[in-house]
C-alpha atoms as a PDB file:
ATOM      1  CA  MET A   1      13.378 -17.450  12.709  1.00  0.00           C
ATOM      2  CA  ILE A   2      12.222 -14.189  11.164  1.00  0.00           C
ATOM      3  CA  ALA A   3      15.294 -12.112  10.461  1.00  0.00           C
ATOM      4  CA  CYS A   4      14.906  -8.578   9.236  1.00  0.00           C
ATOM      5  CA  HIS A   5      16.336  -5.114   9.548  1.00  0.00           C
ATOM      6  CA  PRO A   6      15.255  -3.003  12.513  1.00  0.00           C
ATOM      7  CA  PRO A   7      11.679  -1.817  11.892  1.00  0.00           C
ATOM      8  CA  TYR A   8      12.591   1.758  11.116  1.00  0.00           C
ATOM      9  CA  VAL A   9      14.940   0.568   8.350  1.00  0.00           C
ATOM     10  CA  ALA A  10      12.354  -1.700   6.760  1.00  0.00           C
ATOM     11  CA  SER A  11       9.649   0.945   7.029  1.00  0.00           C
ATOM     12  CA  VAL A  12      11.701   3.833   5.739  1.00  0.00           C
ATOM     13  CA  HIS A  13      14.385   2.566   3.367  1.00  0.00           C
ATOM     14  CA  ARG A  14      12.441   0.372   0.974  1.00  0.00           C
ATOM     15  CA  GLY A  15      14.535   1.351  -2.031  1.00  0.00           C
ATOM     16  CA  ALA A  16      16.480   4.123  -3.697  1.00  0.00           C
ATOM     17  CA  ASP A  17      13.246   5.825  -4.783  1.00  0.00           C
ATOM     18  CA  SER A  18      12.079   6.212  -1.161  1.00  0.00           C
ATOM     19  CA  TYR A  19      15.146   8.215  -0.114  1.00  0.00           C
ATOM     20  CA  ILE A  20      14.425  11.876   0.686  1.00  0.00           C
ATOM     21  CA  PRO A  21      17.466  13.989  -0.248  1.00  0.00           C
ATOM     22  CA  PRO A  22      18.537  16.663   2.256  1.00  0.00           C
ATOM     23  CA  GLU A  23      17.702  19.370  -0.304  1.00  0.00           C
ATOM     24  CA  LYS A  24      14.004  18.652   0.364  1.00  0.00           C
ATOM     25  CA  TYR A  25      14.181  18.905   4.177  1.00  0.00           C
ATOM     26  CA  SER A  26      13.582  22.654   4.393  1.00  0.00           C
ATOM     27  CA  MET A  27      10.595  22.370   2.023  1.00  0.00           C
ATOM     28  CA  ILE A  28       9.039  19.720   4.303  1.00  0.00           C
ATOM     29  CA  HIS A  29       9.892  21.725   7.432  1.00  0.00           C
ATOM     30  CA  ASP A  30       8.279  24.857   5.994  1.00  0.00           C
ATOM     31  CA  ALA A  31       5.120  22.941   5.047  1.00  0.00           C
ATOM     32  CA  VAL A  32       4.806  21.468   8.552  1.00  0.00           C
ATOM     33  CA  LEU A  33       5.222  24.900  10.132  1.00  0.00           C
ATOM     34  CA  GLN A  34       2.692  26.404   7.728  1.00  0.00           C
ATOM     35  CA  ALA A  35       0.163  23.714   8.664  1.00  0.00           C
ATOM     36  CA  CYS A  36       0.772  23.464  12.413  1.00  0.00           C
ATOM     37  CA  ASP A  37       2.660  26.430  13.873  1.00  0.00           C
ATOM     38  CA  ALA A  38      -0.459  28.342  14.923  1.00  0.00           C
ATOM     39  CA  HIS A  39      -1.935  25.379  16.860  1.00  0.00           C
ATOM     40  CA  ASP A  40      -0.618  26.904  20.083  1.00  0.00           C
ATOM     41  CA  ALA A  41      -2.156  30.291  19.165  1.00  0.00           C
ATOM     42  CA  VAL A  42       1.301  31.793  18.564  1.00  0.00           C
ATOM     43  CA  LYS A  43       2.790  31.746  15.071  1.00  0.00           C
ATOM     44  CA  ASP A  44       6.465  31.814  16.036  1.00  0.00           C
ATOM     45  CA  GLY A  45       8.179  29.087  14.031  1.00  0.00           C
ATOM     46  CA  VAL A  46       8.022  26.637  16.959  1.00  0.00           C
ATOM     47  CA  LEU A  47       5.718  23.668  17.435  1.00  0.00           C
ATOM     48  CA  GLU A  48       5.070  23.756  21.178  1.00  0.00           C
ATOM     49  CA  ASP A  49       3.297  20.383  21.084  1.00  0.00           C
ATOM     50  CA  PRO A  50       4.227  18.346  17.975  1.00  0.00           C
ATOM     51  CA  THR A  51       1.689  15.666  18.951  1.00  0.00           C
ATOM     52  CA  ARG A  52      -1.085  18.121  18.032  1.00  0.00           C
ATOM     53  CA  CYS A  53       0.277  18.440  14.485  1.00  0.00           C
ATOM     54  CA  HIS A  54      -1.437  16.013  12.138  1.00  0.00           C
ATOM     55  CA  PHE A  55       0.395  17.038   8.991  1.00  0.00           C
ATOM     56  CA  ASP A  56       0.065  14.633   6.068  1.00  0.00           C
ATOM     57  CA  PRO A  57       3.023  14.799   3.671  1.00  0.00           C
ATOM     58  CA  LYS A  58       0.678  13.691   0.877  1.00  0.00           C
ATOM     59  CA  VAL A  59      -0.051  17.402   0.286  1.00  0.00           C
ATOM     60  CA  LEU A  60       3.549  17.723  -0.935  1.00  0.00           C
ATOM     61  CA  GLU A  61       3.261  14.918  -3.512  1.00  0.00           C
ATOM     62  CA  CYS A  62       4.473  15.881  -6.975  1.00  0.00           C
ATOM     63  CA  LYS A  63       1.728  16.447  -9.537  1.00  0.00           C
ATOM     64  CA  GLY A  64       4.197  15.771 -12.343  1.00  0.00           C
ATOM     65  CA  ALA A  65       7.918  15.056 -12.437  1.00  0.00           C
ATOM     66  CA  ASP A  66      10.028  14.975  -9.289  1.00  0.00           C
ATOM     67  CA  SER A  67      11.433  18.354  -8.277  1.00  0.00           C
ATOM     68  CA  PRO A  68      12.982  20.056  -5.209  1.00  0.00           C
ATOM     69  CA  SER A  69       9.570  21.517  -4.315  1.00  0.00           C
ATOM     70  CA  CYS A  70       7.640  18.229  -4.013  1.00  0.00           C
ATOM     71  CA  LEU A  71       7.867  14.591  -2.879  1.00  0.00           C
ATOM     72  CA  THR A  72       7.463  11.510  -5.047  1.00  0.00           C
ATOM     73  CA  SER A  73       4.856   8.991  -3.869  1.00  0.00           C
ATOM     74  CA  ALA A  74       7.645   6.772  -2.439  1.00  0.00           C
ATOM     75  CA  GLN A  75       9.074   9.771  -0.569  1.00  0.00           C
ATOM     76  CA  VAL A  76       5.612  10.580   0.823  1.00  0.00           C
ATOM     77  CA  GLU A  77       5.488   7.052   2.268  1.00  0.00           C
ATOM     78  CA  THR A  78       8.967   7.549   3.751  1.00  0.00           C
ATOM     79  CA  ALA A  79       7.895  10.798   5.391  1.00  0.00           C
ATOM     80  CA  ARG A  80       4.796   9.093   6.790  1.00  0.00           C
ATOM     81  CA  ALA A  81       6.877   6.189   8.153  1.00  0.00           C
ATOM     82  CA  LEU A  82       9.297   8.545   9.881  1.00  0.00           C
ATOM     83  CA  ARG A  83       6.529   9.887  12.074  1.00  0.00           C
ATOM     84  CA  ARG A  84       4.916   6.533  12.804  1.00  0.00           C
ATOM     85  CA  LYS A  85       5.051   5.223  16.371  1.00  0.00           C
ATOM     86  CA  PHE A  86       7.503   2.392  16.909  1.00  0.00           C
ATOM     87  CA  ALA A  87       4.847  -0.016  18.196  1.00  0.00           C
ATOM     88  CA  ALA A  88       1.190   0.361  19.097  1.00  0.00           C
ATOM     89  CA  THR A  89      -1.968  -1.653  19.390  1.00  0.00           C
ATOM     90  CA  CYS A  90      -4.337  -1.125  16.509  1.00  0.00           C
ATOM     91  CA  LEU A  91      -7.961  -2.233  16.422  1.00  0.00           C
ATOM     92  CA  ASP A  92      -8.871  -4.260  13.339  1.00  0.00           C
ATOM     93  CA  TRP A  93     -12.348  -2.990  12.532  1.00  0.00           C
ATOM     94  CA  SER A  94     -13.334  -6.038  10.503  1.00  0.00           C
ATOM     95  CA  GLU A  95     -12.401  -8.643  13.121  1.00  0.00           C
ATOM     96  CA  ARG A  96     -12.783  -6.351  16.171  1.00  0.00           C
ATOM     97  CA  ARG A  97      -9.440  -7.539  17.574  1.00  0.00           C
ATOM     98  CA  ASP A  98      -6.223  -5.678  18.295  1.00  0.00           C
ATOM     99  CA  HIS A  99      -3.120  -6.315  16.227  1.00  0.00           C
ATOM    100  CA  LEU A 100       0.425  -4.950  16.270  1.00  0.00           C
ATOM    101  CA  GLY A 101       0.621  -1.552  14.594  1.00  0.00           C
ATOM    102  CA  GLY A 102       3.221   1.172  14.161  1.00  0.00           C
ATOM    103  CA  ALA A 103       6.597   0.817  12.463  1.00  0.00           C
ATOM    104  CA  LEU A 104       7.174  -2.579  14.094  1.00  0.00           C
ATOM    105  CA  GLY A 105       3.854  -3.962  12.826  1.00  0.00           C
ATOM    106  CA  ALA A 106       4.505  -2.567   9.336  1.00  0.00           C
ATOM    107  CA  ALA A 107       8.016  -4.038   9.231  1.00  0.00           C
ATOM    108  CA  LEU A 108       6.800  -7.423  10.456  1.00  0.00           C
ATOM    109  CA  ALA A 109       3.970  -7.477   7.916  1.00  0.00           C
ATOM    110  CA  GLU A 110       6.350  -6.496   5.109  1.00  0.00           C
ATOM    111  CA  ARG A 111       8.793  -9.242   6.097  1.00  0.00           C
ATOM    112  CA  LEU A 112       6.013 -11.868   6.302  1.00  0.00           C
ATOM    113  CA  VAL A 113       4.805 -10.848   2.826  1.00  0.00           C
ATOM    114  CA  ASP A 114       8.399 -11.094   1.518  1.00  0.00           C
ATOM    115  CA  LEU A 115       8.688 -14.589   3.021  1.00  0.00           C
ATOM    116  CA  GLY A 116       5.376 -15.607   1.462  1.00  0.00           C
ATOM    117  CA  TRP A 117       3.866 -16.343   4.879  1.00  0.00           C
ATOM    118  CA  ILE A 118       1.032 -13.849   4.428  1.00  0.00           C
ATOM    119  CA  ALA A 119      -0.558 -12.366   1.310  1.00  0.00           C
ATOM    120  CA  ARG A 120      -2.232  -9.009   0.910  1.00  0.00           C
ATOM    121  CA  LYS A 121      -5.813  -9.153  -0.302  1.00  0.00           C
ATOM    122  CA  ARG A 122      -6.426  -7.194  -3.501  1.00  0.00           C
ATOM    123  CA  ASN A 123      -7.894  -3.692  -3.030  1.00  0.00           C
ATOM    124  CA  SER A 124      -7.856  -4.100   0.743  1.00  0.00           C
ATOM    125  CA  ARG A 125      -5.637  -3.596   3.763  1.00  0.00           C
ATOM    126  CA  ALA A 126      -6.479  -7.158   4.860  1.00  0.00           C
ATOM    127  CA  VAL A 127      -4.011 -10.033   4.695  1.00  0.00           C
ATOM    128  CA  SER A 128      -4.390 -13.793   4.810  1.00  0.00           C
ATOM    129  CA  VAL A 129      -2.004 -16.449   6.071  1.00  0.00           C
ATOM    130  CA  THR A 130      -0.705 -18.696   3.288  1.00  0.00           C
ATOM    131  CA  GLU A 131      -0.241 -22.464   3.616  1.00  0.00           C
ATOM    132  CA  ALA A 132       3.525 -21.924   3.797  1.00  0.00           C
ATOM    133  CA  GLY A 133       2.893 -19.311   6.477  1.00  0.00           C
ATOM    134  CA  ARG A 134       0.755 -21.686   8.540  1.00  0.00           C
ATOM    135  CA  ARG A 135       3.472 -24.315   8.366  1.00  0.00           C
ATOM    136  CA  ARG A 136       6.342 -21.953   9.204  1.00  0.00           C
ATOM    137  CA  LEU A 137       4.500 -20.090  11.987  1.00  0.00           C
ATOM    138  CA  THR A 138       3.757 -23.457  13.588  1.00  0.00           C
ATOM    139  CA  GLU A 139       7.370 -24.617  13.217  1.00  0.00           C
ATOM    140  CA  GLU A 140       9.035 -21.390  14.333  1.00  0.00           C
ATOM    141  CA  PHE A 141       6.605 -20.083  16.949  1.00  0.00           C
ATOM    142  CA  ARG A 142       4.344 -23.050  17.790  1.00  0.00           C
ATOM    143  CA  LEU A 143       1.338 -21.039  16.604  1.00  0.00           C
ATOM    144  CA  GLU A 144      -1.629 -23.118  15.568  1.00  0.00           C
ATOM    145  CA  LEU A 145      -3.718 -21.264  13.004  1.00  0.00           C
END
């Protein structure tokens, strides 16, 4: 059986370097407001419809050493994961088939990589099922690949 932390834990808390300290929260909040507050035509410090805000925390990534005014690359990934949907269908453009996306899909993929059941292809978002993965997926889930 695949045992792992709840998806939000696996997606967000990958290690000590991914932790965003509370001292950085107001910096992130201010950047989101700067980027998205006027989307409703009223700049009032309130996001009327947060779903219309497509803020990418990558703009806050440190150019040099970590500081209170920027995010490390691991913290950028944490911030991205925090706004990810829990679960969603996602169209794989190479195979033209849907797969599980969102935080749940990311957590499952990470766990399968950790178990050695799938392997990430170099310089690609694609993965392949390993021989051990084929065996275990058949044993655990009766999947024939």
